[in-house]
């Protein structure tokens, strides 16, 4: 099994890269999706969030009002730390369960938005960073996700810098490119991951050329 950590700043296009890797045959473990599962209605995770942030972060149907919670934590690093201390251990435990269920020869891609921020690179055989210019991220968040510019900038500022992400990367995927070019690059990366899974697992000293 080859364990791959996939990360990138908000709006960099990491979800599209993970989708393309799955098309090639990767087993995807999506930390964002798991983070939603562990705070679903009726879970201990949601109860802990409500205890820390109050019932105002609940929607009318009893689910977590994620936009409201996001507006709180991304404007206050201390509050973000509190939220992470609740959610991250739950996400980690569920991720390990899914990884253990994968085939022995699988390329398992962990889609982890805060991999850099939480110093998780040593957990993976290979770290892949999806990179885009801050202006590109901002445009996507405002134009495609409907965020205000202020909210988008706050979320970007709460994450690691572009430079910090690139420092931990074994492979960088440039996503300031047309979709066809992104597909070509992801195919190259997949071929490299398969090669490593067959004979170079765990060798983080062997790096492919970065774009």
C-alpha atoms as a PDB file:
ATOM      1  CA  UNK A   1       0.000   0.000   0.000  1.00  0.00           C
ATOM      2  CA  UNK A   2       1.205   3.476  -0.869  1.00  0.00           C
ATOM      3  CA  UNK A   3      -0.146   6.209   1.403  1.00  0.00           C
ATOM      4  CA  UNK A   4      -0.445   9.551  -0.342  1.00  0.00           C
ATOM      5  CA  UNK A   5      -1.230  12.833   1.382  1.00  0.00           C
ATOM      6  CA  UNK A   6      -3.013  15.223  -0.989  1.00  0.00           C
ATOM      7  CA  UNK A   7      -3.374  18.843   0.041  1.00  0.00           C
ATOM      8  CA  UNK A   8      -3.705  22.376  -1.288  1.00  0.00           C
ATOM      9  CA  UNK A   9      -5.082  25.751  -0.339  1.00  0.00           C
ATOM     10  CA  UNK A  10      -8.794  26.446  -0.435  1.00  0.00           C
ATOM     11  CA  UNK A  11      -9.826  27.122  -4.016  1.00  0.00           C
ATOM     12  CA  UNK A  12      -6.696  25.528  -5.465  1.00  0.00           C
ATOM     13  CA  UNK A  13      -8.685  22.742  -7.116  1.00  0.00           C
ATOM     14  CA  UNK A  14      -7.722  19.821  -4.915  1.00  0.00           C
ATOM     15  CA  UNK A  15     -11.149  18.204  -5.277  1.00  0.00           C
ATOM     16  CA  UNK A  16     -10.770  18.037  -9.058  1.00  0.00           C
ATOM     17  CA  UNK A  17      -7.345  16.430  -8.687  1.00  0.00           C
ATOM     18  CA  UNK A  18      -8.681  13.858  -6.228  1.00  0.00           C
ATOM     19  CA  UNK A  19     -11.538  13.060  -8.635  1.00  0.00           C
ATOM     20  CA  UNK A  20      -9.074  12.483 -11.469  1.00  0.00           C
ATOM     21  CA  UNK A  21      -6.896  10.256  -9.281  1.00  0.00           C
ATOM     22  CA  UNK A  22      -9.931   8.145  -8.399  1.00  0.00           C
ATOM     23  CA  UNK A  23     -10.622   7.754 -12.135  1.00  0.00           C
ATOM     24  CA  UNK A  24      -7.141   6.280 -12.459  1.00  0.00           C
ATOM     25  CA  UNK A  25      -7.793   3.817  -9.631  1.00  0.00           C
ATOM     26  CA  UNK A  26      -6.838   5.528  -6.371  1.00  0.00           C
ATOM     27  CA  UNK A  27      -8.678   4.752  -3.160  1.00  0.00           C
ATOM     28  CA  UNK A  28      -9.789   8.136  -1.826  1.00  0.00           C
ATOM     29  CA  UNK A  29     -10.139   8.978   1.849  1.00  0.00           C
ATOM     30  CA  UNK A  30     -11.643  12.477   1.962  1.00  0.00           C
ATOM     31  CA  UNK A  31     -11.006  14.271   5.251  1.00  0.00           C
ATOM     32  CA  UNK A  32     -13.609  16.948   4.480  1.00  0.00           C
ATOM     33  CA  UNK A  33     -16.298  14.351   3.871  1.00  0.00           C
ATOM     34  CA  UNK A  34     -15.350  12.504   7.038  1.00  0.00           C
ATOM     35  CA  UNK A  35     -15.344  15.806   8.944  1.00  0.00           C
ATOM     36  CA  UNK A  36     -18.990  16.224   7.965  1.00  0.00           C
ATOM     37  CA  UNK A  37     -19.825  12.666   9.006  1.00  0.00           C
ATOM     38  CA  UNK A  38     -18.322  13.000  12.484  1.00  0.00           C
ATOM     39  CA  UNK A  39     -20.451  16.078  13.271  1.00  0.00           C
ATOM     40  CA  UNK A  40     -23.683  14.784  11.765  1.00  0.00           C
ATOM     41  CA  UNK A  41     -26.863  15.059  13.884  1.00  0.00           C
ATOM     42  CA  UNK A  42     -26.803  12.662  16.812  1.00  0.00           C
ATOM     43  CA  UNK A  43     -23.040  12.201  16.897  1.00  0.00           C
ATOM     44  CA  UNK A  44     -20.772  12.854  19.879  1.00  0.00           C
ATOM     45  CA  UNK A  45     -18.798  15.175  17.600  1.00  0.00           C
ATOM     46  CA  UNK A  46     -21.741  17.501  17.049  1.00  0.00           C
ATOM     47  CA  UNK A  47     -22.529  17.503  20.756  1.00  0.00           C
ATOM     48  CA  UNK A  48     -18.957  18.564  21.506  1.00  0.00           C
ATOM     49  CA  UNK A  49     -19.104  21.372  18.929  1.00  0.00           C
ATOM     50  CA  UNK A  50     -22.356  22.690  20.391  1.00  0.00           C
ATOM     51  CA  UNK A  51     -20.883  22.551  23.884  1.00  0.00           C
ATOM     52  CA  UNK A  52     -17.893  24.614  22.725  1.00  0.00           C
ATOM     53  CA  UNK A  53     -19.659  27.103  20.445  1.00  0.00           C
ATOM     54  CA  UNK A  54     -23.271  27.177  21.603  1.00  0.00           C
ATOM     55  CA  UNK A  55     -26.562  26.141  20.011  1.00  0.00           C
ATOM     56  CA  UNK A  56     -26.421  29.130  17.666  1.00  0.00           C
ATOM     57  CA  UNK A  57     -24.205  27.089  15.333  1.00  0.00           C
ATOM     58  CA  UNK A  58     -27.094  24.698  14.658  1.00  0.00           C
ATOM     59  CA  UNK A  59     -29.444  25.049  11.708  1.00  0.00           C
ATOM     60  CA  UNK A  60     -33.203  24.780  12.180  1.00  0.00           C
ATOM     61  CA  UNK A  61     -33.147  21.060  11.364  1.00  0.00           C
ATOM     62  CA  UNK A  62     -30.563  20.365  14.086  1.00  0.00           C
ATOM     63  CA  UNK A  63     -27.630  19.941  11.723  1.00  0.00           C
ATOM     64  CA  UNK A  64     -24.453  21.957  11.941  1.00  0.00           C
ATOM     65  CA  UNK A  65     -24.704  25.353  10.260  1.00  0.00           C
ATOM     66  CA  UNK A  66     -21.289  25.116   8.618  1.00  0.00           C
ATOM     67  CA  UNK A  67     -21.242  28.591   7.040  1.00  0.00           C
ATOM     68  CA  UNK A  68     -22.068  30.181  10.398  1.00  0.00           C
ATOM     69  CA  UNK A  69     -19.457  28.159  12.244  1.00  0.00           C
ATOM     70  CA  UNK A  70     -16.955  28.920   9.509  1.00  0.00           C
ATOM     71  CA  UNK A  71     -17.540  32.657   9.824  1.00  0.00           C
ATOM     72  CA  UNK A  72     -16.694  32.350  13.529  1.00  0.00           C
ATOM     73  CA  UNK A  73     -13.582  30.187  13.403  1.00  0.00           C
ATOM     74  CA  UNK A  74     -11.906  31.572  10.296  1.00  0.00           C
ATOM     75  CA  UNK A  75     -11.960  35.041  11.802  1.00  0.00           C
ATOM     76  CA  UNK A  76     -10.493  33.884  15.142  1.00  0.00           C
ATOM     77  CA  UNK A  77      -7.452  31.555  15.250  1.00  0.00           C
ATOM     78  CA  UNK A  78      -8.129  30.586  18.870  1.00  0.00           C
ATOM     79  CA  UNK A  79     -11.656  29.466  18.056  1.00  0.00           C
ATOM     80  CA  UNK A  80     -10.342  27.566  15.045  1.00  0.00           C
ATOM     81  CA  UNK A  81      -7.916  25.740  17.332  1.00  0.00           C
ATOM     82  CA  UNK A  82     -10.815  24.718  19.573  1.00  0.00           C
ATOM     83  CA  UNK A  83     -12.787  23.358  16.633  1.00  0.00           C
ATOM     84  CA  UNK A  84      -9.787  21.456  15.303  1.00  0.00           C
ATOM     85  CA  UNK A  85      -9.161  19.880  18.697  1.00  0.00           C
ATOM     86  CA  UNK A  86     -12.670  18.409  18.541  1.00  0.00           C
ATOM     87  CA  UNK A  87     -12.878  17.334  14.929  1.00  0.00           C
ATOM     88  CA  UNK A  88      -9.369  16.222  13.998  1.00  0.00           C
ATOM     89  CA  UNK A  89      -9.081  13.229  16.377  1.00  0.00           C
ATOM     90  CA  UNK A  90     -12.444  11.946  15.135  1.00  0.00           C
ATOM     91  CA  UNK A  91     -11.427  12.366  11.506  1.00  0.00           C
ATOM     92  CA  UNK A  92      -8.101  10.640  12.160  1.00  0.00           C
ATOM     93  CA  UNK A  93      -9.729   7.615  13.744  1.00  0.00           C
ATOM     94  CA  UNK A  94     -12.221   7.175  10.890  1.00  0.00           C
ATOM     95  CA  UNK A  95      -9.492   7.672   8.270  1.00  0.00           C
ATOM     96  CA  UNK A  96      -7.437   4.876   9.817  1.00  0.00           C
ATOM     97  CA  UNK A  97     -10.440   2.555   9.678  1.00  0.00           C
ATOM     98  CA  UNK A  98     -10.936   3.225   5.965  1.00  0.00           C
ATOM     99  CA  UNK A  99      -7.240   2.824   5.209  1.00  0.00           C
ATOM    100  CA  UNK A 100      -7.117  -0.534   6.957  1.00  0.00           C
ATOM    101  CA  UNK A 101     -10.031  -1.692   4.786  1.00  0.00           C
ATOM    102  CA  UNK A 102      -8.162  -0.947   1.515  1.00  0.00           C
ATOM    103  CA  UNK A 103      -6.340  -3.623  -0.479  1.00  0.00           C
ATOM    104  CA  UNK A 104      -2.698  -4.269   0.335  1.00  0.00           C
ATOM    105  CA  UNK A 105      -1.531  -3.058  -3.090  1.00  0.00           C
ATOM    106  CA  UNK A 106      -3.772   0.035  -3.203  1.00  0.00           C
ATOM    107  CA  UNK A 107      -2.679   3.616  -3.793  1.00  0.00           C
ATOM    108  CA  UNK A 108      -4.572   5.290  -0.967  1.00  0.00           C
ATOM    109  CA  UNK A 109      -4.983   9.036  -1.371  1.00  0.00           C
ATOM    110  CA  UNK A 110      -5.793  10.969   1.787  1.00  0.00           C
ATOM    111  CA  UNK A 111      -7.380  14.285   0.795  1.00  0.00           C
ATOM    112  CA  UNK A 112      -6.343  16.451   3.769  1.00  0.00           C
ATOM    113  CA  UNK A 113      -6.904  20.228   3.505  1.00  0.00           C
ATOM    114  CA  UNK A 114      -4.880  21.050   6.639  1.00  0.00           C
ATOM    115  CA  UNK A 115      -2.040  18.593   6.131  1.00  0.00           C
ATOM    116  CA  UNK A 116       0.574  21.361   6.201  1.00  0.00           C
ATOM    117  CA  UNK A 117      -0.931  23.247   9.120  1.00  0.00           C
ATOM    118  CA  UNK A 118      -1.076  20.149  11.305  1.00  0.00           C
ATOM    119  CA  UNK A 119       2.413  18.865  10.348  1.00  0.00           C
ATOM    120  CA  UNK A 120       1.009  15.578   9.037  1.00  0.00           C
ATOM    121  CA  UNK A 121       3.472  15.024   6.166  1.00  0.00           C
ATOM    122  CA  UNK A 122       5.435  12.288   8.030  1.00  0.00           C
ATOM    123  CA  UNK A 123       2.290  10.123   8.050  1.00  0.00           C
ATOM    124  CA  UNK A 124       2.449   9.614   4.286  1.00  0.00           C
ATOM    125  CA  UNK A 125       4.818   7.964   1.832  1.00  0.00           C
ATOM    126  CA  UNK A 126       4.280  10.770  -0.676  1.00  0.00           C
ATOM    127  CA  UNK A 127       2.862  14.285  -0.259  1.00  0.00           C
ATOM    128  CA  UNK A 128       1.157  15.824  -3.300  1.00  0.00           C
ATOM    129  CA  UNK A 129       0.369  19.542  -3.202  1.00  0.00           C
ATOM    130  CA  UNK A 130      -2.137  21.137  -5.576  1.00  0.00           C
ATOM    131  CA  UNK A 131      -0.890  24.665  -6.117  1.00  0.00           C
ATOM    132  CA  UNK A 132      -2.571  27.779  -7.500  1.00  0.00           C
ATOM    133  CA  UNK A 133      -1.804  31.468  -7.285  1.00  0.00           C
ATOM    134  CA  UNK A 134      -3.657  33.346  -4.511  1.00  0.00           C
ATOM    135  CA  UNK A 135      -5.443  35.446  -7.143  1.00  0.00           C
ATOM    136  CA  UNK A 136      -6.748  32.250  -8.738  1.00  0.00           C
ATOM    137  CA  UNK A 137      -7.921  30.919  -5.381  1.00  0.00           C
ATOM    138  CA  UNK A 138      -9.711  34.175  -4.579  1.00  0.00           C
ATOM    139  CA  UNK A 139     -11.428  34.280  -7.958  1.00  0.00           C
ATOM    140  CA  UNK A 140     -12.688  30.702  -7.622  1.00  0.00           C
ATOM    141  CA  UNK A 141     -13.977  31.217  -4.098  1.00  0.00           C
ATOM    142  CA  UNK A 142     -15.895  34.373  -5.014  1.00  0.00           C
ATOM    143  CA  UNK A 143     -17.053  33.427  -8.500  1.00  0.00           C
ATOM    144  CA  UNK A 144     -17.706  29.699  -8.085  1.00  0.00           C
ATOM    145  CA  UNK A 145     -18.527  29.303  -4.388  1.00  0.00           C
ATOM    146  CA  UNK A 146     -20.338  32.598  -3.883  1.00  0.00           C
ATOM    147  CA  UNK A 147     -18.193  33.777  -0.959  1.00  0.00           C
ATOM    148  CA  UNK A 148     -17.712  37.419  -0.233  1.00  0.00           C
ATOM    149  CA  UNK A 149     -14.197  38.627  -0.918  1.00  0.00           C
ATOM    150  CA  UNK A 150     -13.674  39.308   2.795  1.00  0.00           C
ATOM    151  CA  UNK A 151     -14.761  35.791   3.779  1.00  0.00           C
ATOM    152  CA  UNK A 152     -12.598  34.244   1.070  1.00  0.00           C
ATOM    153  CA  UNK A 153      -9.541  36.215   2.147  1.00  0.00           C
ATOM    154  CA  UNK A 154     -10.116  35.267   5.799  1.00  0.00           C
ATOM    155  CA  UNK A 155     -10.283  31.569   4.939  1.00  0.00           C
ATOM    156  CA  UNK A 156      -7.156  31.778   2.820  1.00  0.00           C
ATOM    157  CA  UNK A 157      -5.303  33.651   5.570  1.00  0.00           C
ATOM    158  CA  UNK A 158      -6.252  30.983   8.138  1.00  0.00           C
ATOM    159  CA  UNK A 159      -4.370  28.363   6.122  1.00  0.00           C
ATOM    160  CA  UNK A 160      -0.657  27.807   5.593  1.00  0.00           C
ATOM    161  CA  UNK A 161       1.070  29.964   3.016  1.00  0.00           C
ATOM    162  CA  UNK A 162       1.663  28.753  -0.490  1.00  0.00           C
ATOM    163  CA  UNK A 163       5.377  28.582   0.271  1.00  0.00           C
ATOM    164  CA  UNK A 164       4.868  26.412   3.362  1.00  0.00           C
ATOM    165  CA  UNK A 165       2.784  23.930   1.403  1.00  0.00           C
ATOM    166  CA  UNK A 166       5.363  23.678  -1.350  1.00  0.00           C
ATOM    167  CA  UNK A 167       8.128  23.081   1.215  1.00  0.00           C
ATOM    168  CA  UNK A 168       6.575  19.775   2.288  1.00  0.00           C
ATOM    169  CA  UNK A 169       5.665  18.609  -1.216  1.00  0.00           C
ATOM    170  CA  UNK A 170       7.165  15.582  -2.904  1.00  0.00           C
ATOM    171  CA  UNK A 171       5.075  16.349  -5.977  1.00  0.00           C
ATOM    172  CA  UNK A 172       3.484  19.661  -6.962  1.00  0.00           C
ATOM    173  CA  UNK A 173       0.528  19.857  -9.343  1.00  0.00           C
ATOM    174  CA  UNK A 174       0.124  23.294 -10.893  1.00  0.00           C
ATOM    175  CA  UNK A 175      -3.580  24.132 -11.205  1.00  0.00           C
ATOM    176  CA  UNK A 176      -3.262  27.538 -12.821  1.00  0.00           C
ATOM    177  CA  UNK A 177      -3.773  25.672 -16.101  1.00  0.00           C
ATOM    178  CA  UNK A 178      -6.628  24.591 -18.397  1.00  0.00           C
ATOM    179  CA  UNK A 179      -8.429  21.370 -17.468  1.00  0.00           C
ATOM    180  CA  UNK A 180      -6.841  19.364 -20.287  1.00  0.00           C
ATOM    181  CA  UNK A 181      -3.382  20.299 -19.027  1.00  0.00           C
ATOM    182  CA  UNK A 182      -4.399  19.387 -15.473  1.00  0.00           C
ATOM    183  CA  UNK A 183      -5.578  15.978 -16.667  1.00  0.00           C
ATOM    184  CA  UNK A 184      -2.238  15.394 -18.386  1.00  0.00           C
ATOM    185  CA  UNK A 185      -0.298  16.334 -15.259  1.00  0.00           C
ATOM    186  CA  UNK A 186      -2.464  14.139 -13.005  1.00  0.00           C
ATOM    187  CA  UNK A 187      -1.863  11.197 -15.347  1.00  0.00           C
ATOM    188  CA  UNK A 188       1.898  11.766 -14.989  1.00  0.00           C
ATOM    189  CA  UNK A 189       1.548  11.898 -11.220  1.00  0.00           C
ATOM    190  CA  UNK A 190      -0.556   8.727 -11.168  1.00  0.00           C
ATOM    191  CA  UNK A 191       2.081   6.866 -13.176  1.00  0.00           C
ATOM    192  CA  UNK A 192       4.706   8.008 -10.664  1.00  0.00           C
ATOM    193  CA  UNK A 193       2.579   6.898  -7.713  1.00  0.00           C
ATOM    194  CA  UNK A 194       2.056   3.477  -9.250  1.00  0.00           C
ATOM    195  CA  UNK A 195       5.794   3.178  -9.841  1.00  0.00           C
ATOM    196  CA  UNK A 196       6.480   4.027  -6.221  1.00  0.00           C
ATOM    197  CA  UNK A 197       3.819   1.631  -4.980  1.00  0.00           C
ATOM    198  CA  UNK A 198       5.504  -1.198  -6.883  1.00  0.00           C
ATOM    199  CA  UNK A 199       9.044  -0.605  -5.771  1.00  0.00           C
ATOM    200  CA  UNK A 200       9.783   2.558  -3.872  1.00  0.00           C
ATOM    201  CA  UNK A 201       7.256   2.794  -1.067  1.00  0.00           C
ATOM    202  CA  UNK A 202       8.373   4.963   1.771  1.00  0.00           C
ATOM    203  CA  UNK A 203      11.302   6.443  -0.142  1.00  0.00           C
ATOM    204  CA  UNK A 204      10.557  10.132   0.234  1.00  0.00           C
ATOM    205  CA  UNK A 205      14.060  11.055  -0.924  1.00  0.00           C
ATOM    206  CA  UNK A 206      13.204  10.174  -4.530  1.00  0.00           C
ATOM    207  CA  UNK A 207      11.353  13.146  -5.961  1.00  0.00           C
ATOM    208  CA  UNK A 208       9.755  13.710  -9.349  1.00  0.00           C
ATOM    209  CA  UNK A 209      10.347  17.023 -11.113  1.00  0.00           C
ATOM    210  CA  UNK A 210       8.116  19.788  -9.795  1.00  0.00           C
ATOM    211  CA  UNK A 211       6.278  22.077 -12.143  1.00  0.00           C
END
